[in-house]
Amino acid sequence: MLDFPLLPKVLPLGAILFNFLFLLISIPLEAYILNSIIKFDKKTSSFYAICMNLFSSVIGWAIFFLIEPLLPIRLRSGLINLIFFNQISPTLFNLMILIAFIVFFGTFLVKSLVLRVALISLTDFWQKQPDSAPQKFYSRRDFKRKLQTKNIFTSVLIANALSYTAVVIVLFLILRIV
């Protein structure tokens, strides 16, 4: 039989399917928020929501696989029990809540960074901007740019909070904790 040394012996299929389920829940919700708050069209908001969620998911899994070997044995065994057997150790429950808050804000920072990079990279820099007379106060364009930055920040925060809330509700319904 063929033995591939790079493939894992045990595949956490449940974690992969849950991640896919969470992406299926998060992407439409965040696309709706981007469409309604920032006023992107539906295709553009869906594209940005897909970019934000896929990049944050890949970066999150990369960070997880970089940090996991550095964890103490107790935390690693609790993590293995959670991923493979869906059992949360009572001694690690408080730590899991703290990690959930860190993951939420880390995901929010990654998503806002990805959205800003995507917006900057997809704008047309080659268009010539109309010259305006220098003013002492903010021009209308600078004011709109500052307002757009605040709007992007708050809309990504609202979208992330809404998607995490929906994911937690689905988790509670799946685990029958409700």
Protein backbone atom coordinates (compact mmCIF):
# COMPACT_ATOMS: atom_id res chain seq x y z
CA MET A 1 0.00 0.00 0.00
CA LEU A 2 1.15 3.53 -0.65
CA ASP A 3 2.26 5.48 2.39
CA PHE A 4 2.53 9.23 1.98
CA PRO A 5 4.74 10.71 4.72
CA LEU A 6 3.35 14.25 4.36
CA LEU A 7 -0.29 13.32 4.90
CA PRO A 8 -1.53 13.08 8.49
CA LYS A 9 -2.52 9.69 9.86
CA VAL A 10 -5.63 11.11 11.55
CA LEU A 11 -7.65 13.83 9.85
CA PRO A 12 -9.89 16.05 12.02
CA LEU A 13 -12.78 15.81 9.59
CA GLY A 14 -15.24 17.22 12.14
CA ALA A 15 -13.18 20.39 12.61
CA ILE A 16 -12.83 20.81 8.84
CA LEU A 17 -16.58 20.41 8.30
CA PHE A 18 -17.37 22.80 11.15
CA ASN A 19 -15.01 25.37 9.63
CA PHE A 20 -16.78 24.97 6.28
CA LEU A 21 -20.16 25.35 8.03
CA PHE A 22 -18.97 28.49 9.80
CA LEU A 23 -17.76 29.96 6.51
CA LEU A 24 -21.15 29.19 4.94
CA ILE A 25 -22.82 31.07 7.79
CA SER A 26 -20.38 33.99 8.03
CA ILE A 27 -19.93 34.92 4.38
CA PRO A 28 -23.57 35.79 3.56
CA LEU A 29 -24.05 37.65 6.84
CA GLU A 30 -20.93 39.74 6.39
CA ALA A 31 -21.74 40.35 2.71
CA TYR A 32 -25.15 41.67 3.77
CA ILE A 33 -23.57 44.02 6.33
CA LEU A 34 -21.03 45.28 3.78
CA ASN A 35 -23.85 45.79 1.29
CA SER A 36 -26.10 47.67 3.70
CA ILE A 37 -23.57 49.79 5.62
CA ILE A 38 -20.76 50.54 3.16
CA LYS A 39 -23.18 50.49 0.18
CA PHE A 40 -21.19 48.09 -1.98
CA ASP A 41 -23.19 46.27 -4.61
CA LYS A 42 -24.05 42.64 -3.85
CA LYS A 43 -21.33 41.13 -6.02
CA THR A 44 -18.61 43.35 -4.56
CA SER A 45 -19.74 42.84 -0.97
CA SER A 46 -19.83 39.07 -1.51
CA PHE A 47 -16.33 39.17 -2.98
CA TYR A 48 -14.95 41.16 -0.04
CA ALA A 49 -16.74 38.93 2.49
CA ILE A 50 -15.27 35.82 0.86
CA CYS A 51 -11.79 37.39 0.84
CA MET A 52 -12.01 38.46 4.48
CA ASN A 53 -13.29 35.13 5.74
CA LEU A 54 -11.01 32.87 3.71
CA PHE A 55 -7.88 34.87 4.50
CA SER A 56 -8.75 35.09 8.20
CA SER A 57 -9.49 31.36 8.28
CA VAL A 58 -6.19 30.45 6.61
CA ILE A 59 -4.22 32.84 8.83
CA GLY A 60 -6.03 31.51 11.91
CA TRP A 61 -5.26 27.89 11.08
CA ALA A 62 -1.62 28.79 10.35
CA ILE A 63 -1.31 30.52 13.72
CA PHE A 64 -2.98 27.54 15.39
CA PHE A 65 -0.54 25.06 13.85
CA LEU A 66 2.41 27.29 14.79
CA ILE A 67 1.29 27.70 18.42
CA GLU A 68 0.01 24.15 19.04
CA PRO A 69 3.45 22.47 19.42
CA LEU A 70 4.48 25.10 21.97
CA LEU A 71 1.54 24.42 24.32
CA PRO A 72 1.97 22.49 27.58
CA ILE A 73 0.85 18.86 27.63
CA ARG A 74 -2.31 19.63 29.65
CA LEU A 75 -3.50 22.20 27.13
CA ARG A 76 -2.61 19.99 24.17
CA SER A 77 -4.57 17.05 25.57
CA GLY A 78 -7.55 19.33 26.26
CA LEU A 79 -7.31 20.66 22.73
CA ILE A 80 -7.17 17.16 21.26
CA ASN A 81 -10.21 16.16 23.32
CA LEU A 82 -12.06 19.21 22.03
CA ILE A 83 -11.17 18.73 18.36
CA PHE A 84 -11.47 14.96 18.03
CA PHE A 85 -13.97 13.98 20.73
CA ASN A 86 -15.99 17.21 21.18
CA GLN A 87 -15.36 17.19 24.94
CA ILE A 88 -14.43 20.33 26.86
CA SER A 89 -12.39 19.78 30.00
CA PRO A 90 -13.93 21.63 32.97
CA THR A 91 -10.51 22.86 34.07
CA LEU A 92 -9.90 24.49 30.70
CA PHE A 93 -13.33 26.09 30.30
CA ASN A 94 -12.28 29.54 31.59
CA LEU A 95 -9.19 29.48 29.39
CA MET A 96 -11.38 28.60 26.40
CA ILE A 97 -13.54 31.68 27.04
CA LEU A 98 -10.44 33.88 27.17
CA ILE A 99 -9.12 32.31 23.97
CA ALA A 100 -12.52 32.88 22.30
CA PHE A 101 -12.27 36.64 23.04
CA ILE A 102 -8.70 36.76 21.75
CA VAL A 103 -9.72 34.90 18.59
CA PHE A 104 -12.68 37.26 18.07
CA PHE A 105 -10.58 40.41 18.24
CA GLY A 106 -7.72 38.82 16.30
CA THR A 107 -10.13 37.82 13.55
CA PHE A 108 -11.58 41.32 13.56
CA LEU A 109 -8.13 42.85 13.11
CA VAL A 110 -7.24 40.42 10.31
CA LYS A 111 -10.55 40.99 8.52
CA SER A 112 -10.28 44.77 8.71
CA LEU A 113 -6.69 44.61 7.48
CA VAL A 114 -7.65 42.27 4.61
CA LEU A 115 -10.54 44.53 3.62
CA ARG A 116 -8.34 47.63 3.62
CA VAL A 117 -5.63 45.89 1.60
CA ALA A 118 -8.23 44.60 -0.86
CA LEU A 119 -9.79 48.04 -1.21
CA ILE A 120 -6.41 49.68 -1.77
CA SER A 121 -5.19 47.03 -4.20
CA LEU A 122 -8.35 47.03 -6.29
CA THR A 123 -8.71 50.80 -6.67
CA ASP A 124 -7.53 52.40 -9.85
CA PHE A 125 -4.44 54.44 -9.00
CA TRP A 126 -3.82 55.34 -12.61
CA GLN A 127 -6.85 57.60 -12.81
CA LYS A 128 -5.88 61.21 -12.55
CA GLN A 129 -7.42 62.85 -9.52
CA PRO A 130 -8.92 66.28 -10.13
CA ASP A 131 -6.79 69.03 -8.68
CA SER A 132 -8.45 71.18 -6.08
CA ALA A 133 -7.41 74.43 -4.56
CA PRO A 134 -5.48 74.07 -1.30
CA GLN A 135 -7.60 74.84 1.74
CA LYS A 136 -6.90 75.37 5.39
CA PHE A 137 -9.58 72.93 6.43
CA TYR A 138 -10.29 69.38 5.32
CA SER A 139 -11.47 69.09 1.77
CA ARG A 140 -14.62 67.14 1.02
CA ARG A 141 -12.54 64.24 -0.33
CA ASP A 142 -10.46 63.99 2.89
CA PHE A 143 -13.61 64.15 4.98
CA LYS A 144 -15.19 61.34 2.94
CA ARG A 145 -12.00 59.27 3.24
CA LYS A 146 -11.96 59.65 7.04
CA LEU A 147 -15.66 58.86 7.18
CA GLN A 148 -15.11 55.82 4.92
CA THR A 149 -12.33 54.58 7.22
CA LYS A 150 -14.59 54.84 10.27
CA ASN A 151 -17.39 53.24 8.30
CA ILE A 152 -15.19 50.31 7.23
CA PHE A 153 -13.94 49.82 10.80
CA THR A 154 -17.42 49.79 12.33
CA SER A 155 -18.98 47.72 9.55
CA VAL A 156 -16.29 45.02 9.86
CA LEU A 157 -16.80 45.02 13.64
CA ILE A 158 -20.58 44.68 13.26
CA ALA A 159 -20.21 42.00 10.58
CA ASN A 160 -17.70 40.04 12.66
CA ALA A 161 -19.87 40.27 15.77
CA LEU A 162 -22.96 39.19 13.84
CA SER A 163 -21.22 36.24 12.22
CA TYR A 164 -19.68 35.11 15.52
CA THR A 165 -23.09 35.38 17.19
CA ALA A 166 -24.66 33.25 14.47
CA VAL A 167 -21.86 30.69 14.75
CA VAL A 168 -22.25 30.49 18.55
CA ILE A 169 -26.02 30.03 18.18
CA VAL A 170 -25.45 27.22 15.67
CA LEU A 171 -22.88 25.63 18.01
CA PHE A 172 -25.33 25.78 20.90
CA LEU A 173 -28.05 24.24 18.75
CA ILE A 174 -25.71 21.50 17.56
CA LEU A 175 -24.41 20.74 21.04
CA ARG A 176 -27.96 21.02 22.48
CA ILE A 177 -26.89 23.40 25.22
CA VAL A 178 -29.78 25.78 24.57
